[in-house]
Amino acid sequence: MASVTKRDLVIQISDQTGLTQIQVFDVLQLFLENVTAHLAQNEGVVLRNFGSFETRVTRPKVGRNPKDPGLAVAIPARAVVKFKPGKELKEKVRELSPKPVKVKVSAKAKVSVKAK
């Protein structure tokens, strides 16, 4: 799966709009800085039909050290950013799902389920 970088987006938007790459980069950078600033102030950011970003605080929990599984490690509560995709984004991504395959099952086929 290929990734698209900020630079790739700048070039694509520049080609589509006729704006210079510097202008597009400045707008994109300001957009990202503003989203970051709002999230840092615990304000959600909603982009209709794309999705929403919000901050949440995780609960403190006890984890295990992978090198010494018997050793418990305290993991403190921390703030994280969560993204919830919007309706249109979900629908576009859902189109990537493989199409279901229809399987014919003959009447003679037996399905057995073993109880444990």
C-alpha atoms as a PDB file:
ATOM      1  CA  MET A   1       0.000   0.000   0.000  1.00  0.00           C
ATOM      2  CA  ALA A   2       1.493   3.318  -1.069  1.00  0.00           C
ATOM      3  CA  SER A   3       1.417   6.384   1.147  1.00  0.00           C
ATOM      4  CA  VAL A   4       0.737   9.937   0.053  1.00  0.00           C
ATOM      5  CA  THR A   5       2.967  12.581   1.605  1.00  0.00           C
ATOM      6  CA  LYS A   6       2.230  16.222   2.320  1.00  0.00           C
ATOM      7  CA  ARG A   7       4.463  17.080  -0.652  1.00  0.00           C
ATOM      8  CA  ASP A   8       2.389  14.807  -2.929  1.00  0.00           C
ATOM      9  CA  LEU A   9      -0.799  16.572  -1.798  1.00  0.00           C
ATOM     10  CA  VAL A  10       0.748  20.001  -2.414  1.00  0.00           C
ATOM     11  CA  ILE A  11       1.707  19.067  -5.965  1.00  0.00           C
ATOM     12  CA  GLN A  12      -1.697  17.518  -6.692  1.00  0.00           C
ATOM     13  CA  ILE A  13      -3.673  20.475  -5.307  1.00  0.00           C
ATOM     14  CA  SER A  14      -1.385  22.930  -7.090  1.00  0.00           C
ATOM     15  CA  ASP A  15      -1.993  21.170 -10.399  1.00  0.00           C
ATOM     16  CA  GLN A  16      -5.776  21.106  -9.806  1.00  0.00           C
ATOM     17  CA  THR A  17      -6.143  24.733  -8.697  1.00  0.00           C
ATOM     18  CA  GLY A  18      -3.472  26.625 -10.601  1.00  0.00           C
ATOM     19  CA  LEU A  19      -2.072  28.002  -7.345  1.00  0.00           C
ATOM     20  CA  THR A  20       1.666  27.864  -6.817  1.00  0.00           C
ATOM     21  CA  GLN A  21       3.060  25.023  -4.738  1.00  0.00           C
ATOM     22  CA  ILE A  22       4.270  27.576  -2.165  1.00  0.00           C
ATOM     23  CA  GLN A  23       0.750  28.989  -1.776  1.00  0.00           C
ATOM     24  CA  VAL A  24      -0.760  25.511  -1.432  1.00  0.00           C
ATOM     25  CA  PHE A  25       1.950  24.457   1.042  1.00  0.00           C
ATOM     26  CA  ASP A  26       1.308  27.577   3.172  1.00  0.00           C
ATOM     27  CA  VAL A  27      -2.456  26.936   3.264  1.00  0.00           C
ATOM     28  CA  LEU A  28      -2.009  23.251   4.054  1.00  0.00           C
ATOM     29  CA  GLN A  29       0.529  24.038   6.777  1.00  0.00           C
ATOM     30  CA  LEU A  30      -1.805  26.627   8.345  1.00  0.00           C
ATOM     31  CA  PHE A  31      -4.656  24.113   8.247  1.00  0.00           C
ATOM     32  CA  LEU A  32      -2.568  21.492  10.058  1.00  0.00           C
ATOM     33  CA  GLU A  33      -1.305  24.030  12.611  1.00  0.00           C
ATOM     34  CA  ASN A  34      -4.861  25.190  13.361  1.00  0.00           C
ATOM     35  CA  VAL A  35      -6.175  21.630  13.746  1.00  0.00           C
ATOM     36  CA  THR A  36      -3.247  20.849  16.068  1.00  0.00           C
ATOM     37  CA  ALA A  37      -3.827  24.017  18.118  1.00  0.00           C
ATOM     38  CA  HIS A  38      -7.525  23.262  18.608  1.00  0.00           C
ATOM     39  CA  LEU A  39      -6.834  19.662  19.616  1.00  0.00           C
ATOM     40  CA  ALA A  40      -4.135  20.841  22.035  1.00  0.00           C
ATOM     41  CA  GLN A  41      -6.814  23.028  23.674  1.00  0.00           C
ATOM     42  CA  ASN A  42      -9.081  19.969  24.013  1.00  0.00           C
ATOM     43  CA  GLU A  43     -11.419  21.212  21.275  1.00  0.00           C
ATOM     44  CA  GLY A  44     -12.782  18.773  18.717  1.00  0.00           C
ATOM     45  CA  VAL A  45     -12.381  19.446  15.006  1.00  0.00           C
ATOM     46  CA  VAL A  46     -15.242  18.395  12.729  1.00  0.00           C
ATOM     47  CA  LEU A  47     -14.807  18.260   8.950  1.00  0.00           C
ATOM     48  CA  ARG A  48     -18.249  17.414   7.560  1.00  0.00           C
ATOM     49  CA  ASN A  49     -18.366  14.271   5.423  1.00  0.00           C
ATOM     50  CA  PHE A  50     -14.669  13.615   6.108  1.00  0.00           C
ATOM     51  CA  GLY A  51     -14.544  12.957   9.837  1.00  0.00           C
ATOM     52  CA  SER A  52     -13.896  14.357  13.271  1.00  0.00           C
ATOM     53  CA  PHE A  53     -10.852  14.576  15.505  1.00  0.00           C
ATOM     54  CA  GLU A  54     -11.155  14.666  19.270  1.00  0.00           C
ATOM     55  CA  THR A  55      -8.926  14.264  22.278  1.00  0.00           C
ATOM     56  CA  ARG A  56      -9.553  11.601  24.878  1.00  0.00           C
ATOM     57  CA  VAL A  57      -7.760  10.648  28.053  1.00  0.00           C
ATOM     58  CA  THR A  58      -6.911   6.967  28.420  1.00  0.00           C
ATOM     59  CA  ARG A  59      -7.312   5.245  31.768  1.00  0.00           C
ATOM     60  CA  PRO A  60      -4.219   4.339  33.753  1.00  0.00           C
ATOM     61  CA  LYS A  61      -3.539   0.626  33.513  1.00  0.00           C
ATOM     62  CA  VAL A  62      -1.083  -2.074  34.425  1.00  0.00           C
ATOM     63  CA  GLY A  63       0.968  -3.540  31.593  1.00  0.00           C
ATOM     64  CA  ARG A  64       3.642  -6.206  31.347  1.00  0.00           C
ATOM     65  CA  ASN A  65       7.298  -5.866  30.472  1.00  0.00           C
ATOM     66  CA  PRO A  66       7.812  -8.009  27.341  1.00  0.00           C
ATOM     67  CA  LYS A  67      11.335  -8.913  28.461  1.00  0.00           C
ATOM     68  CA  ASP A  68      10.135  -9.945  31.927  1.00  0.00           C
ATOM     69  CA  PRO A  69       6.389 -10.827  31.775  1.00  0.00           C
ATOM     70  CA  GLY A  70       6.263 -11.359  35.508  1.00  0.00           C
ATOM     71  CA  LEU A  71       7.076  -7.695  36.102  1.00  0.00           C
ATOM     72  CA  ALA A  72       4.066  -5.366  36.207  1.00  0.00           C
ATOM     73  CA  VAL A  73       4.562  -1.876  34.777  1.00  0.00           C
ATOM     74  CA  ALA A  74       2.252   1.035  35.600  1.00  0.00           C
ATOM     75  CA  ILE A  75       1.052   2.843  32.469  1.00  0.00           C
ATOM     76  CA  PRO A  76      -0.215   6.321  33.389  1.00  0.00           C
ATOM     77  CA  ALA A  77      -3.289   7.994  31.923  1.00  0.00           C
ATOM     78  CA  ARG A  78      -2.512  10.074  28.860  1.00  0.00           C
ATOM     79  CA  ALA A  79      -4.229  12.218  26.270  1.00  0.00           C
ATOM     80  CA  VAL A  80      -4.573  10.778  22.762  1.00  0.00           C
ATOM     81  CA  VAL A  81      -6.152  11.967  19.506  1.00  0.00           C
ATOM     82  CA  LYS A  82      -8.987   9.873  18.100  1.00  0.00           C
ATOM     83  CA  PHE A  83     -10.333  10.102  14.546  1.00  0.00           C
ATOM     84  CA  LYS A  84     -13.848   9.082  13.599  1.00  0.00           C
ATOM     85  CA  PRO A  85     -14.443   8.882   9.845  1.00  0.00           C
ATOM     86  CA  GLY A  86     -17.470  10.630   8.367  1.00  0.00           C
ATOM     87  CA  LYS A  87     -20.204   9.029   6.298  1.00  0.00           C
ATOM     88  CA  GLU A  88     -18.774   9.833   2.856  1.00  0.00           C
ATOM     89  CA  LEU A  89     -15.257   8.708   3.838  1.00  0.00           C
ATOM     90  CA  LYS A  90     -16.638   5.425   5.212  1.00  0.00           C
ATOM     91  CA  GLU A  91     -18.532   4.809   1.976  1.00  0.00           C
ATOM     92  CA  LYS A  92     -15.474   5.520  -0.213  1.00  0.00           C
ATOM     93  CA  VAL A  93     -13.255   3.235   1.866  1.00  0.00           C
ATOM     94  CA  ARG A  94     -15.923   0.527   1.953  1.00  0.00           C
ATOM     95  CA  GLU A  95     -15.619   0.366  -1.857  1.00  0.00           C
ATOM     96  CA  LEU A  96     -12.129  -1.114  -1.309  1.00  0.00           C
ATOM     97  CA  SER A  97     -13.632  -4.186   0.371  1.00  0.00           C
ATOM     98  CA  PRO A  98     -13.567  -7.316  -1.754  1.00  0.00           C
ATOM     99  CA  LYS A  99     -16.908  -8.241  -3.240  1.00  0.00           C
ATOM    100  CA  PRO A 100     -18.614 -11.199  -1.527  1.00  0.00           C
ATOM    101  CA  VAL A 101     -18.270 -14.466  -3.409  1.00  0.00           C
ATOM    102  CA  LYS A 102     -21.400 -16.516  -3.902  1.00  0.00           C
ATOM    103  CA  VAL A 103     -20.893 -20.174  -3.109  1.00  0.00           C
ATOM    104  CA  LYS A 104     -23.347 -22.784  -4.308  1.00  0.00           C
ATOM    105  CA  VAL A 105     -24.102 -25.442  -1.748  1.00  0.00           C
ATOM    106  CA  SER A 106     -25.752 -28.567  -3.012  1.00  0.00           C
ATOM    107  CA  ALA A 107     -28.715 -30.029  -1.170  1.00  0.00           C
ATOM    108  CA  LYS A 108     -26.660 -33.178  -0.568  1.00  0.00           C
ATOM    109  CA  ALA A 109     -23.898 -31.333   1.233  1.00  0.00           C
ATOM    110  CA  LYS A 110     -23.896 -31.951   4.960  1.00  0.00           C
ATOM    111  CA  VAL A 111     -22.682 -29.461   7.475  1.00  0.00           C
ATOM    112  CA  SER A 112     -21.613 -30.904  10.757  1.00  0.00           C
ATOM    113  CA  VAL A 113     -20.932 -28.924  13.870  1.00  0.00           C
ATOM    114  CA  LYS A 114     -19.065 -30.582  16.672  1.00  0.00           C
ATOM    115  CA  ALA A 115     -19.864 -29.514  20.204  1.00  0.00           C
ATOM    116  CA  LYS A 116     -16.928 -29.220  22.558  1.00  0.00           C
END
